[in-house]
N, C-alpha and C. Protein backbone atom coordinates (compact mmCIF):
# COMPACT_ATOMS: atom_id res chain seq x y z
N UNK A 1 128.14 100.98 97.24
CA UNK A 1 126.72 101.49 96.91
C UNK A 1 125.76 100.34 97.53
N UNK A 2 124.78 100.79 98.28
CA UNK A 2 123.87 99.90 98.80
C UNK A 2 122.92 99.47 97.76
N UNK A 3 122.22 98.23 97.88
CA UNK A 3 121.20 97.72 96.90
C UNK A 3 120.01 98.66 96.94
N UNK A 4 119.82 99.20 95.90
CA UNK A 4 118.64 100.23 95.79
C UNK A 4 117.47 99.77 94.93
N UNK A 5 116.27 100.34 95.22
CA UNK A 5 115.22 100.13 94.40
C UNK A 5 114.46 101.39 94.06
N UNK A 6 113.67 101.53 93.04
CA UNK A 6 112.84 102.65 92.74
C UNK A 6 111.49 102.09 92.90
N UNK A 7 110.63 102.76 93.86
CA UNK A 7 109.21 102.54 93.97
C UNK A 7 108.43 103.51 93.11
N UNK A 8 107.51 103.00 92.33
CA UNK A 8 106.66 103.84 91.52
C UNK A 8 105.19 103.61 92.08
N UNK A 9 104.70 104.69 92.47
CA UNK A 9 103.36 104.63 93.03
C UNK A 9 102.37 105.48 92.07
N UNK A 10 101.44 104.92 91.29
CA UNK A 10 100.65 105.61 90.32
C UNK A 10 99.28 105.72 90.94
N UNK A 11 98.72 106.87 91.00
CA UNK A 11 97.41 107.07 91.71
C UNK A 11 96.68 108.12 91.13
N UNK A 12 95.37 108.26 91.36
CA UNK A 12 94.61 109.39 90.91
C UNK A 12 95.19 110.75 91.38
N UNK A 13 94.93 111.74 90.63
CA UNK A 13 95.57 113.16 90.93
C UNK A 13 95.14 113.57 92.26
N UNK A 14 96.12 114.04 93.09
CA UNK A 14 95.86 114.60 94.34
C UNK A 14 96.17 113.74 95.63
N UNK A 15 96.43 112.50 95.34
CA UNK A 15 96.82 111.58 96.45
C UNK A 15 98.21 111.20 96.56
N UNK A 16 99.05 111.64 95.69
CA UNK A 16 100.46 111.29 95.89
C UNK A 16 101.12 112.02 97.03
N UNK A 17 100.77 113.26 97.34
CA UNK A 17 101.28 113.87 98.50
C UNK A 17 100.91 113.24 99.74
N UNK A 18 99.76 112.64 99.82
CA UNK A 18 99.34 111.87 101.03
C UNK A 18 100.19 110.54 101.15
N UNK A 19 100.31 109.97 100.00
CA UNK A 19 100.99 108.71 99.99
C UNK A 19 102.42 108.86 100.40
N UNK A 20 103.01 110.02 100.01
CA UNK A 20 104.31 110.35 100.45
C UNK A 20 104.57 110.53 101.85
N UNK A 21 103.48 111.20 102.39
CA UNK A 21 103.46 111.38 103.88
C UNK A 21 103.45 110.15 104.51
N UNK A 22 102.71 108.98 104.06
CA UNK A 22 102.70 107.73 104.72
C UNK A 22 104.10 107.10 104.45
N UNK A 23 104.68 107.32 103.35
CA UNK A 23 106.14 106.66 103.14
C UNK A 23 107.14 107.31 104.10
N UNK A 24 106.90 108.67 104.32
CA UNK A 24 107.81 109.20 105.32
C UNK A 24 107.83 108.68 106.66
N UNK A 25 106.49 108.34 107.11
CA UNK A 25 106.35 107.84 108.45
C UNK A 25 107.05 106.38 108.39
N UNK A 26 107.11 105.75 107.28
CA UNK A 26 107.65 104.49 107.32
C UNK A 26 109.20 104.45 107.04
N UNK A 27 109.77 105.82 106.88
CA UNK A 27 111.28 105.86 106.77
C UNK A 27 111.70 106.37 105.47
N UNK A 28 110.94 106.72 104.54
CA UNK A 28 111.40 107.38 103.27
C UNK A 28 111.90 108.84 103.63
N UNK A 29 113.03 109.16 102.88
CA UNK A 29 113.51 110.53 103.10
C UNK A 29 113.04 111.54 102.08
N UNK A 30 112.43 111.11 100.96
CA UNK A 30 111.87 111.98 99.93
C UNK A 30 111.46 111.28 98.78
N UNK A 31 110.82 111.99 97.88
CA UNK A 31 110.32 111.39 96.68
C UNK A 31 110.07 112.64 95.65
N UNK A 32 109.81 112.17 94.57
CA UNK A 32 109.52 113.05 93.48
C UNK A 32 108.13 112.77 92.84
N UNK A 33 107.29 113.78 92.67
CA UNK A 33 105.89 113.56 92.08
C UNK A 33 105.79 114.19 90.79
N UNK A 34 105.18 113.38 89.82
CA UNK A 34 105.14 113.74 88.40
C UNK A 34 103.65 113.77 88.16
N UNK A 35 103.00 114.92 87.64
CA UNK A 35 101.60 114.90 87.19
C UNK A 35 101.44 114.49 85.83
N UNK A 36 100.54 113.57 85.53
CA UNK A 36 100.31 113.13 84.17
C UNK A 36 98.89 112.81 83.83
N UNK A 37 98.68 112.23 82.70
CA UNK A 37 97.23 111.95 82.29
C UNK A 37 97.26 110.36 81.85
N UNK A 38 96.22 109.71 82.09
CA UNK A 38 96.04 108.32 81.70
C UNK A 38 95.98 108.28 80.18
N UNK A 39 96.45 107.32 79.62
CA UNK A 39 96.39 107.09 78.09
C UNK A 39 94.99 106.47 77.67
N UNK A 40 94.16 106.13 78.51
CA UNK A 40 92.88 105.50 78.33
C UNK A 40 91.86 106.52 77.78
N UNK A 41 91.82 107.58 78.35
CA UNK A 41 90.77 108.57 77.91
C UNK A 41 90.94 109.96 78.47
N UNK A 42 90.26 110.98 77.95
CA UNK A 42 90.40 112.39 78.52
C UNK A 42 89.21 112.59 79.55
N UNK A 43 88.35 111.62 79.63
CA UNK A 43 87.18 111.69 80.67
C UNK A 43 87.07 110.47 81.40
N UNK A 44 86.40 110.56 82.56
CA UNK A 44 86.20 109.30 83.34
C UNK A 44 85.59 108.32 82.55
N UNK A 45 86.04 107.09 82.72
CA UNK A 45 85.49 105.87 82.01
C UNK A 45 85.44 104.78 82.99
N UNK A 46 84.62 103.79 82.70
CA UNK A 46 84.71 102.51 83.35
C UNK A 46 85.55 101.61 82.60
N UNK A 47 86.40 100.90 83.26
CA UNK A 47 87.36 99.92 82.65
C UNK A 47 87.31 98.70 83.51
N UNK A 48 86.67 97.71 83.08
CA UNK A 48 86.45 96.44 83.85
C UNK A 48 85.86 96.67 85.08
N UNK A 49 84.84 97.58 85.16
CA UNK A 49 84.05 97.93 86.30
C UNK A 49 84.71 98.98 87.23
N UNK A 50 85.81 99.52 86.90
CA UNK A 50 86.49 100.35 87.72
C UNK A 50 86.59 101.75 87.10
N UNK A 51 86.12 102.81 87.76
CA UNK A 51 86.08 104.21 87.16
C UNK A 51 87.51 104.64 87.11
N UNK A 52 88.04 104.96 85.86
CA UNK A 52 89.50 105.42 85.67
C UNK A 52 89.34 106.94 85.40
N UNK A 53 90.16 107.64 86.26
CA UNK A 53 90.21 109.15 86.12
C UNK A 53 91.43 109.41 85.21
N UNK A 54 91.29 110.35 84.36
CA UNK A 54 92.46 110.58 83.46
C UNK A 54 93.60 111.32 84.13
N UNK A 55 93.40 112.11 85.08
CA UNK A 55 94.45 112.79 85.79
C UNK A 55 95.04 111.92 86.70
N UNK A 56 96.49 111.66 86.60
CA UNK A 56 97.28 110.85 87.47
C UNK A 56 98.39 111.44 88.12
N UNK A 57 98.94 110.91 89.26
CA UNK A 57 100.21 111.41 89.84
C UNK A 57 101.04 110.06 89.85
N UNK A 58 102.34 110.34 89.73
CA UNK A 58 103.30 109.34 89.87
C UNK A 58 104.26 109.70 90.89
N UNK A 59 104.37 109.00 92.08
CA UNK A 59 105.31 109.22 93.11
C UNK A 59 106.48 108.27 92.99
N UNK A 60 107.77 108.78 92.89
CA UNK A 60 108.85 108.06 92.70
C UNK A 60 109.70 108.16 94.02
N UNK A 61 110.06 107.08 94.44
CA UNK A 61 110.94 107.03 95.72
C UNK A 61 112.10 105.95 95.61
N UNK A 62 113.39 106.47 95.68
CA UNK A 62 114.41 105.64 95.68
C UNK A 62 114.67 105.19 97.13
N UNK A 63 114.91 103.94 97.39
CA UNK A 63 115.13 103.41 98.73
C UNK A 63 116.15 102.33 98.70
N UNK A 64 116.56 101.84 99.81
CA UNK A 64 117.31 100.69 99.99
C UNK A 64 116.40 99.46 99.85
N UNK A 65 116.93 98.45 99.46
CA UNK A 65 116.12 97.09 99.30
C UNK A 65 115.52 96.77 100.63
N UNK A 66 116.19 97.03 101.74
CA UNK A 66 115.61 96.64 103.05
C UNK A 66 114.39 97.52 103.42
N UNK A 67 114.36 98.81 102.86
CA UNK A 67 113.20 99.62 103.17
C UNK A 67 112.00 99.40 102.24
N UNK A 68 112.21 98.79 101.11
CA UNK A 68 111.21 98.79 100.09
C UNK A 68 109.84 98.27 100.41
N UNK A 69 109.78 97.07 101.12
CA UNK A 69 108.61 96.39 101.52
C UNK A 69 107.74 97.31 102.47
N UNK A 70 108.43 97.89 103.36
CA UNK A 70 107.72 98.67 104.38
C UNK A 70 107.16 99.88 103.75
N UNK A 71 107.89 100.53 102.71
CA UNK A 71 107.41 101.77 102.11
C UNK A 71 106.14 101.42 101.21
N UNK A 72 106.29 100.32 100.42
CA UNK A 72 105.22 100.04 99.52
C UNK A 72 103.98 99.72 100.37
N UNK A 73 104.05 98.99 101.47
CA UNK A 73 102.96 98.64 102.24
C UNK A 73 102.37 99.90 102.91
N UNK A 74 103.12 100.86 103.23
CA UNK A 74 102.72 102.06 103.93
C UNK A 74 101.84 102.93 102.89
N UNK A 75 102.28 102.98 101.72
CA UNK A 75 101.63 103.78 100.73
C UNK A 75 100.30 103.07 100.30
N UNK A 76 100.45 101.77 100.10
CA UNK A 76 99.27 100.89 99.52
C UNK A 76 98.20 100.65 100.53
N UNK A 77 98.58 100.58 101.80
CA UNK A 77 97.58 100.09 102.87
C UNK A 77 96.52 101.33 102.96
N UNK A 78 96.94 102.58 102.84
CA UNK A 78 95.92 103.60 102.87
C UNK A 78 95.40 104.12 101.46
N UNK A 79 96.26 104.02 100.51
CA UNK A 79 95.97 104.63 99.26
C UNK A 79 96.19 103.68 97.96
N UNK A 80 95.79 102.44 98.26
CA UNK A 80 95.91 101.35 97.30
C UNK A 80 94.70 101.31 96.40
N UNK A 81 94.66 100.21 95.62
CA UNK A 81 93.61 100.12 94.53
C UNK A 81 92.13 100.01 95.11
N UNK A 82 91.93 99.63 96.38
CA UNK A 82 90.60 99.65 96.88
C UNK A 82 90.13 101.02 97.48
N UNK A 83 91.13 102.03 97.50
CA UNK A 83 90.78 103.31 97.96
C UNK A 83 90.34 104.19 96.74
N UNK A 84 89.96 105.47 97.17
CA UNK A 84 89.61 106.48 96.17
C UNK A 84 90.86 106.88 95.36
N UNK A 85 92.09 106.66 95.88
CA UNK A 85 93.36 107.00 95.15
C UNK A 85 93.60 105.98 94.03
N UNK A 86 93.02 104.81 94.25
CA UNK A 86 93.20 103.76 93.17
C UNK A 86 94.78 103.53 92.97
N UNK A 87 95.58 103.52 94.01
CA UNK A 87 97.02 103.55 93.81
C UNK A 87 97.61 102.19 93.41
N UNK A 88 98.46 102.11 92.42
CA UNK A 88 99.15 100.94 92.03
C UNK A 88 100.57 101.16 92.43
N UNK A 89 101.17 100.11 92.96
CA UNK A 89 102.54 100.34 93.53
C UNK A 89 103.45 99.10 92.95
N UNK A 90 104.61 99.52 92.41
CA UNK A 90 105.56 98.44 91.99
C UNK A 90 106.97 99.01 92.14
N UNK A 91 107.94 98.15 92.16
CA UNK A 91 109.25 98.67 92.15
C UNK A 91 110.20 98.03 91.06
N UNK A 92 111.31 98.76 90.85
CA UNK A 92 112.28 98.47 89.88
C UNK A 92 113.60 98.52 90.58
N UNK A 93 114.50 97.55 90.24
CA UNK A 93 115.89 97.51 90.69
C UNK A 93 116.67 98.67 90.13
N UNK A 94 117.34 99.36 90.95
CA UNK A 94 118.29 100.49 90.55
C UNK A 94 119.72 99.92 90.35
N UNK A 95 120.22 99.96 89.24
CA UNK A 95 121.53 99.35 88.88
C UNK A 95 122.63 100.22 89.35
N UNK A 96 122.54 101.40 88.82
CA UNK A 96 123.55 102.46 89.22
C UNK A 96 122.92 103.82 89.70
N UNK A 97 123.56 104.56 90.52
CA UNK A 97 123.08 105.96 90.80
C UNK A 97 124.22 106.77 91.12
N UNK A 98 123.97 108.01 91.07
CA UNK A 98 124.99 109.11 91.47
C UNK A 98 124.33 110.05 92.33
N UNK A 99 124.80 110.43 93.41
CA UNK A 99 124.23 111.52 94.26
C UNK A 99 123.17 111.10 95.23
N UNK A 100 122.94 109.89 95.31
CA UNK A 100 121.94 109.41 96.28
C UNK A 100 122.67 108.77 97.54
N UNK A 101 122.21 109.30 98.75
CA UNK A 101 122.92 108.84 99.97
C UNK A 101 121.83 108.52 100.85
N UNK A 102 122.15 107.39 101.63
CA UNK A 102 121.21 106.94 102.69
C UNK A 102 121.79 107.11 104.03
N UNK A 103 122.95 107.86 104.11
CA UNK A 103 123.55 108.23 105.38
C UNK A 103 122.68 108.92 106.28
N UNK A 104 122.68 108.67 107.59
CA UNK A 104 121.81 109.38 108.57
C UNK A 104 122.00 110.84 108.33
N UNK A 105 120.72 111.46 108.45
CA UNK A 105 120.70 113.04 108.54
C UNK A 105 121.15 113.54 109.96
N UNK A 106 121.91 114.61 109.87
CA UNK A 106 122.33 115.11 111.22
C UNK A 106 121.30 116.10 111.75
């Protein structure tokens, strides 16, 4: 098994699909998007001077450790914290997985 990481990209609702498109351009093969709500409030609020939207998307992408930095930069450069998406990006080490392959697609 190759060394793997899980990238989590949390952004305002509606931007995860665009962030996934950027990740694909950088070599990602796919991802999963979960729709959720912020625990801060049910309405827009200012939090340390930043407007927080309650509707959030979470994009999850499993990748090799070699791909991780390029994918994170691709998503964050266009949809990061300074954009309207307010995207936060971080990764976690994947210890074990079943059914994930990074073999070339035919």
